[in-house]
Protein backbone atom coordinates (compact mmCIF):
# COMPACT_ATOMS: atom_id res chain seq x y z
CA MET A 1 0.47 -6.38 -44.39
CA PHE A 2 -1.10 -6.73 -40.94
CA THR A 3 1.34 -9.55 -40.16
CA LYS A 4 4.26 -7.39 -41.24
CA LEU A 5 3.00 -4.53 -39.06
CA LEU A 6 2.71 -6.89 -36.10
CA LYS A 7 6.26 -8.13 -36.72
CA HIS A 8 7.46 -4.53 -36.84
CA GLU A 9 5.78 -3.79 -33.50
CA TRP A 10 7.37 -6.90 -32.01
CA ARG A 11 10.86 -5.95 -33.26
CA ALA A 12 10.45 -2.47 -31.79
CA THR A 13 9.79 -3.80 -28.29
CA ARG A 14 11.48 -7.19 -28.07
CA GLY A 15 14.85 -5.80 -26.95
CA MET A 16 13.45 -3.99 -23.91
CA LEU A 17 11.10 -6.90 -23.22
CA GLY A 18 14.06 -9.30 -23.15
CA THR A 19 15.90 -6.99 -20.77
CA LEU A 20 12.92 -6.89 -18.42
CA CYS A 21 12.66 -10.69 -18.50
CA LEU A 22 16.35 -11.02 -17.59
CA VAL A 23 15.93 -8.50 -14.76
CA CYS A 24 12.95 -10.47 -13.43
CA LEU A 25 14.77 -13.81 -13.56
CA GLY A 26 17.84 -12.21 -11.98
CA ALA A 27 15.66 -10.87 -9.17
CA GLY A 28 14.28 -14.37 -8.60
CA LEU A 29 17.79 -15.84 -8.56
CA LEU A 30 19.20 -13.25 -6.18
CA GLY A 31 16.11 -13.30 -3.96
CA GLY A 32 16.20 -17.08 -3.73
CA GLY A 33 19.91 -17.08 -2.95
CA THR A 34 19.45 -14.51 -0.19
CA MET A 35 16.56 -16.46 1.32
CA ARG A 36 18.60 -19.67 1.22
CA TYR A 37 21.48 -17.94 2.99
CA LEU A 38 19.15 -16.56 5.69
CA MET A 39 17.64 -19.99 6.35
CA ILE A 40 21.01 -21.76 6.49
CA ALA A 41 22.71 -19.09 8.57
CA ALA A 42 19.68 -18.90 10.91
CA GLN A 43 20.28 -15.19 11.33
CA GLN A 44 18.93 -12.08 9.74
CA SER A 45 20.36 -8.66 9.10
CA ALA A 46 18.72 -5.48 7.91
CA ILE A 47 20.71 -5.59 4.66
CA ASP A 48 19.62 -9.15 3.83
CA ILE A 49 15.97 -8.34 4.50
CA LEU A 50 16.26 -5.22 2.36
CA ILE A 51 17.69 -7.33 -0.47
CA VAL A 52 14.68 -9.66 -0.35
CA LEU A 53 12.28 -6.72 -0.30
CA ALA A 54 14.18 -5.11 -3.19
CA MET A 55 13.85 -8.29 -5.26
CA VAL A 56 10.08 -8.36 -4.63
CA ALA A 57 9.88 -4.71 -5.65
CA ALA A 58 11.94 -5.47 -8.75
CA MET A 59 9.45 -8.13 -9.91
CA ILE A 60 6.56 -5.74 -9.41
CA ALA A 61 8.48 -2.99 -11.18
CA VAL A 62 9.11 -5.31 -14.15
CA GLY A 63 5.37 -5.79 -14.68
CA VAL A 64 4.71 -2.04 -14.42
CA ALA A 65 7.66 -1.23 -16.70
CA ALA A 66 6.41 -3.70 -19.32
CA LEU A 67 2.99 -2.05 -19.35
CA LEU A 68 4.56 1.41 -19.65
CA LEU A 69 6.79 0.10 -22.43
CA TYR A 70 3.84 -0.93 -24.59
CA ILE A 71 1.74 2.13 -23.84
CA GLY A 72 4.77 4.30 -24.58
CA ARG A 73 5.30 2.42 -27.83
CA PHE A 74 1.67 3.03 -28.79
CA TYR A 75 2.05 6.75 -28.10
CA LYS A 76 5.34 7.08 -29.94
CA SER A 77 4.29 5.13 -33.02
CA ARG A 78 0.88 6.81 -33.40
CA PHE A 79 1.00 10.32 -31.92
CA THR A 80 4.52 11.60 -32.52
CA ASP A 81 6.41 12.23 -35.75
CA GLU A 82 6.65 8.47 -36.24
CA GLY A 83 2.85 8.40 -36.46
CA TYR A 84 2.90 10.08 -39.85
CA LEU A 85 4.87 7.12 -41.19
CA THR A 86 2.76 4.55 -39.35
CA PHE A 87 -0.53 5.85 -40.72
CA THR A 88 0.76 5.94 -44.28
CA LEU A 89 1.25 2.16 -44.30
CA PRO A 90 -1.17 0.20 -46.56
CA VAL A 91 -3.33 -0.99 -43.64
CA ASN A 92 -6.64 0.31 -42.39
CA THR A 93 -7.17 1.93 -38.99
CA HIS A 94 -8.54 -1.26 -37.44
CA GLN A 95 -5.41 -3.20 -38.40
CA ASN A 96 -3.22 -0.36 -37.17
CA LEU A 97 -4.82 -0.34 -33.73
CA LEU A 98 -5.19 -4.11 -33.44
CA ALA A 99 -1.50 -4.64 -34.22
CA SER A 100 -0.55 -2.48 -31.26
CA MET A 101 -3.11 -4.15 -29.00
CA ALA A 102 -2.05 -7.66 -30.02
CA ASN A 103 1.64 -6.89 -29.51
CA SER A 104 0.92 -5.40 -26.09
CA ALA A 105 -1.19 -8.39 -25.06
CA ILE A 106 1.47 -10.88 -26.20
CA GLY A 107 4.19 -9.00 -24.36
CA MET A 108 2.21 -8.79 -21.11
CA VAL A 109 1.41 -12.52 -21.25
CA ILE A 110 5.12 -13.26 -21.68
CA ILE A 111 5.99 -11.02 -18.72
CA PHE A 112 3.34 -12.75 -16.60
CA PHE A 113 4.81 -16.20 -17.24
CA VAL A 114 8.35 -14.91 -16.70
CA ILE A 115 7.33 -13.49 -13.30
CA CYS A 116 5.76 -16.86 -12.42
CA ALA A 117 8.98 -18.61 -13.48
CA ALA A 118 11.05 -16.17 -11.41
CA LEU A 119 8.89 -16.85 -8.35
CA MET A 120 9.28 -20.60 -8.89
CA LEU A 121 13.04 -20.13 -9.23
CA TRP A 122 13.00 -18.11 -6.00
CA LEU A 123 11.24 -20.92 -4.13
CA MET A 124 13.39 -23.65 -5.65
CA ILE A 125 16.58 -21.93 -4.53
CA GLY A 126 15.34 -20.29 -1.34
CA LEU A 127 13.66 -23.27 0.31
CA PRO A 128 16.13 -26.11 0.98
CA GLY A 129 13.49 -28.84 0.89
CA MET A 130 11.62 -27.61 -2.19
CA GLY A 131 13.40 -30.04 -4.54
CA ASP A 132 12.57 -33.04 -2.34
CA PHE A 133 8.99 -31.81 -2.02
CA ILE A 134 8.55 -31.58 -5.80
CA LYS A 135 10.09 -35.04 -6.20
CA MET A 136 7.68 -36.46 -3.60
CA VAL A 137 4.70 -34.81 -5.32
CA TRP A 138 5.80 -36.28 -8.66
CA GLU A 139 6.12 -39.79 -7.19
CA LYS A 140 2.74 -39.64 -5.47
CA PHE A 141 0.97 -37.82 -8.30
CA PRO A 142 -1.47 -40.72 -9.08
CA GLU A 143 -2.70 -40.70 -5.47
CA LEU A 144 -2.91 -36.91 -5.43
CA TRP A 145 -4.82 -36.95 -8.71
CA ASP A 146 -7.54 -39.16 -7.21
CA SER A 147 -7.81 -36.80 -4.24
CA LEU A 148 -7.98 -33.78 -6.53
CA LYS A 149 -10.81 -35.33 -8.54
CA ARG A 150 -12.82 -35.73 -5.35
CA VAL A 151 -12.11 -32.14 -4.38
CA TRP A 152 -13.01 -30.84 -7.84
CA SER A 153 -16.48 -32.30 -7.54
CA THR A 154 -17.15 -29.94 -4.62
CA ILE A 155 -15.78 -26.78 -6.24
CA PRO A 156 -18.43 -24.21 -7.30
CA TRP A 157 -17.22 -24.04 -10.89
CA LYS A 158 -19.71 -21.34 -11.88
CA PHE A 159 -17.97 -18.89 -9.57
CA VAL A 160 -14.53 -20.02 -10.73
CA TRP A 161 -15.36 -19.54 -14.42
CA MET A 162 -17.03 -16.22 -13.70
CA PHE A 163 -13.97 -15.07 -11.77
CA LEU A 164 -11.65 -16.07 -14.63
CA LEU A 165 -13.95 -14.34 -17.11
CA ASN A 166 -13.79 -11.19 -14.98
CA VAL A 167 -10.00 -11.36 -14.94
CA LEU A 168 -9.88 -11.74 -18.74
CA THR A 169 -12.37 -8.97 -19.50
CA GLY A 170 -10.75 -6.75 -16.87
CA CYS A 171 -7.29 -7.12 -18.46
CA VAL A 172 -8.64 -6.40 -21.95
CA CYS A 173 -10.63 -3.44 -20.65
CA GLU A 174 -7.58 -2.01 -18.86
CA LEU A 175 -5.49 -2.20 -22.04
CA VAL A 176 -8.21 -0.55 -24.12
CA LEU A 177 -8.72 2.22 -21.55
CA LEU A 178 -5.00 2.95 -21.40
CA MET A 179 -4.79 3.22 -25.18
CA LEU A 180 -8.00 5.27 -25.30
CA SER A 181 -6.64 7.67 -22.65
CA VAL A 182 -3.43 8.14 -24.65
CA THR A 183 -5.50 8.78 -27.78
CA ILE A 184 -7.77 11.35 -26.14
CA GLY A 185 -4.89 13.03 -24.34
CA SER A 186 -2.87 13.29 -27.56
CA ILE A 187 -5.80 14.88 -29.40
CA ILE A 188 -7.06 17.38 -26.81
CA ALA A 189 -3.66 18.58 -25.56
CA LYS A 190 -1.27 20.72 -27.56
CA LYS A 191 1.77 20.24 -25.30
CA HIS A 192 1.40 18.12 -22.17
CA LYS A 193 -0.16 15.11 -23.89
CA ILE A 194 1.03 12.51 -21.38
CA LEU A 195 -0.32 14.54 -18.46
CA ALA A 196 -3.64 14.91 -20.28
CA ALA A 197 -3.73 11.15 -20.90
CA VAL A 198 -3.18 10.49 -17.18
CA GLY A 199 -6.03 12.87 -16.33
CA VAL A 200 -8.37 11.20 -18.83
CA TYR A 201 -7.45 7.74 -17.50
CA TYR A 202 -8.14 8.86 -13.93
CA GLY A 203 -11.48 10.38 -14.91
CA ILE A 204 -12.61 7.24 -16.71
CA HIS A 205 -11.73 5.07 -13.72
CA VAL A 206 -13.53 7.39 -11.31
CA ALA A 207 -16.68 7.05 -13.43
CA LEU A 208 -16.31 3.25 -13.59
CA SER A 209 -15.73 3.07 -9.84
CA MET A 210 -18.95 4.99 -9.21
CA VAL A 211 -20.90 2.57 -11.42
CA THR A 212 -19.41 -0.57 -9.83
CA SER A 213 -19.84 0.80 -6.29
CA PHE A 214 -23.48 1.65 -6.95
CA THR A 215 -24.06 -1.82 -8.39
CA MET A 216 -22.49 -3.48 -5.35
CA VAL A 217 -24.52 -1.39 -2.89
CA MET A 218 -27.75 -2.14 -4.74
CA GLY A 219 -26.93 -5.84 -4.66
CA VAL A 220 -26.19 -5.84 -0.93
CA PHE A 221 -29.52 -4.18 -0.10
CA SER A 222 -31.55 -6.19 -2.60
CA GLY A 223 -32.14 -9.01 -0.10
CA ALA A 224 -31.17 -11.69 -2.63
CA ASP A 225 -29.41 -14.89 -1.66
CA GLU A 226 -25.65 -14.35 -1.23
CA LYS A 227 -24.61 -16.93 -3.83
CA VAL A 228 -27.18 -15.69 -6.34
CA TRP A 229 -26.10 -12.11 -5.78
CA MET A 230 -22.41 -12.94 -6.19
CA LEU A 231 -23.09 -14.82 -9.42
CA ARG A 232 -25.13 -11.90 -10.76
CA TYR A 233 -22.46 -9.44 -9.70
CA PHE A 234 -19.66 -11.37 -11.44
CA SER A 235 -21.82 -11.73 -14.56
CA GLY A 236 -22.69 -8.05 -14.54
CA MET A 237 -19.07 -6.99 -14.08
CA ALA A 238 -17.93 -9.21 -16.95
CA LEU A 239 -20.62 -7.73 -19.21
CA LEU A 240 -19.72 -4.20 -18.09
CA MET A 241 -16.01 -4.70 -18.78
CA ALA A 242 -16.78 -6.25 -22.17
CA ALA A 243 -19.12 -3.37 -23.06
CA VAL A 244 -16.58 -0.75 -21.95
CA SER A 245 -13.86 -2.52 -23.96
CA VAL A 246 -15.94 -2.55 -27.15
CA ALA A 247 -17.15 1.04 -26.69
CA GLY A 248 -13.66 2.25 -25.82
CA TYR A 249 -12.13 0.57 -28.86
CA PHE A 250 -14.64 2.01 -31.33
CA LEU A 251 -14.33 5.46 -29.73
CA MET A 252 -10.57 5.20 -30.11
CA TYR A 253 -11.04 4.07 -33.72
CA ALA A 254 -13.32 7.01 -34.48
CA LEU A 255 -10.91 9.51 -32.92
CA VAL A 256 -7.89 8.11 -34.75
CA ASP A 257 -9.72 7.74 -38.06
CA ARG A 258 -11.43 11.13 -38.12
CA LYS A 259 -9.63 13.52 -35.78
CA LEU A 260 -5.95 12.82 -36.48
CA ASN A 261 -6.33 13.26 -40.25
CA LEU A 262 -3.13 11.29 -40.87
CA ASN A 263 -4.45 8.60 -43.21
């Protein structure tokens, strides 16, 4: 049943997700074409520059819109009239929440790769020599690979892996906090639930900012070696984000399971 619920969540959002992907790719196409025209014409006008800036804004807006799409879907399917139907399905609360989280994560990953593809399309069209450059890189790839292997041996991989771990835990934590804020706002507010959710989200982030700022200040004045301190800081932030994600999820589970009384 969990798989069916996940499929239902995907069907409910795939149409808008596809539209956002097309908008993003269209922005990359139009932005690349405008840049190509500016480089060939060797002249710029205010309108052309505004078009380029608008395409950049469109790509950013697509990412924000996708996030709002999934958070809005979570709110609609759990805390409006549709929620009564959702919570009567033969799945437990964990499966109900995880289906929404998994669908949101899949959608955001798709949007991320589409934005990367749109940027690549922009560069391919906008820069006249980009095709020749890619062809040259492909032909000389064996030589470049040997050079990259020598460079890789000098890269501080501990910091790289810690940075990637921070990005992963930060993304998961952000998704959990958004869903938790919607849950709390929908429970404590009678009318303006979205406004309450925004206030809860802001309050949580203020508290987290105070903790991270205090940790950074303590590390700076600890007198420890810079590399050691940075490694400890990245490790601590990853642990903090993981702990907040787990605590936020189980708090959301408890609120949905006990306070909504919809099961």
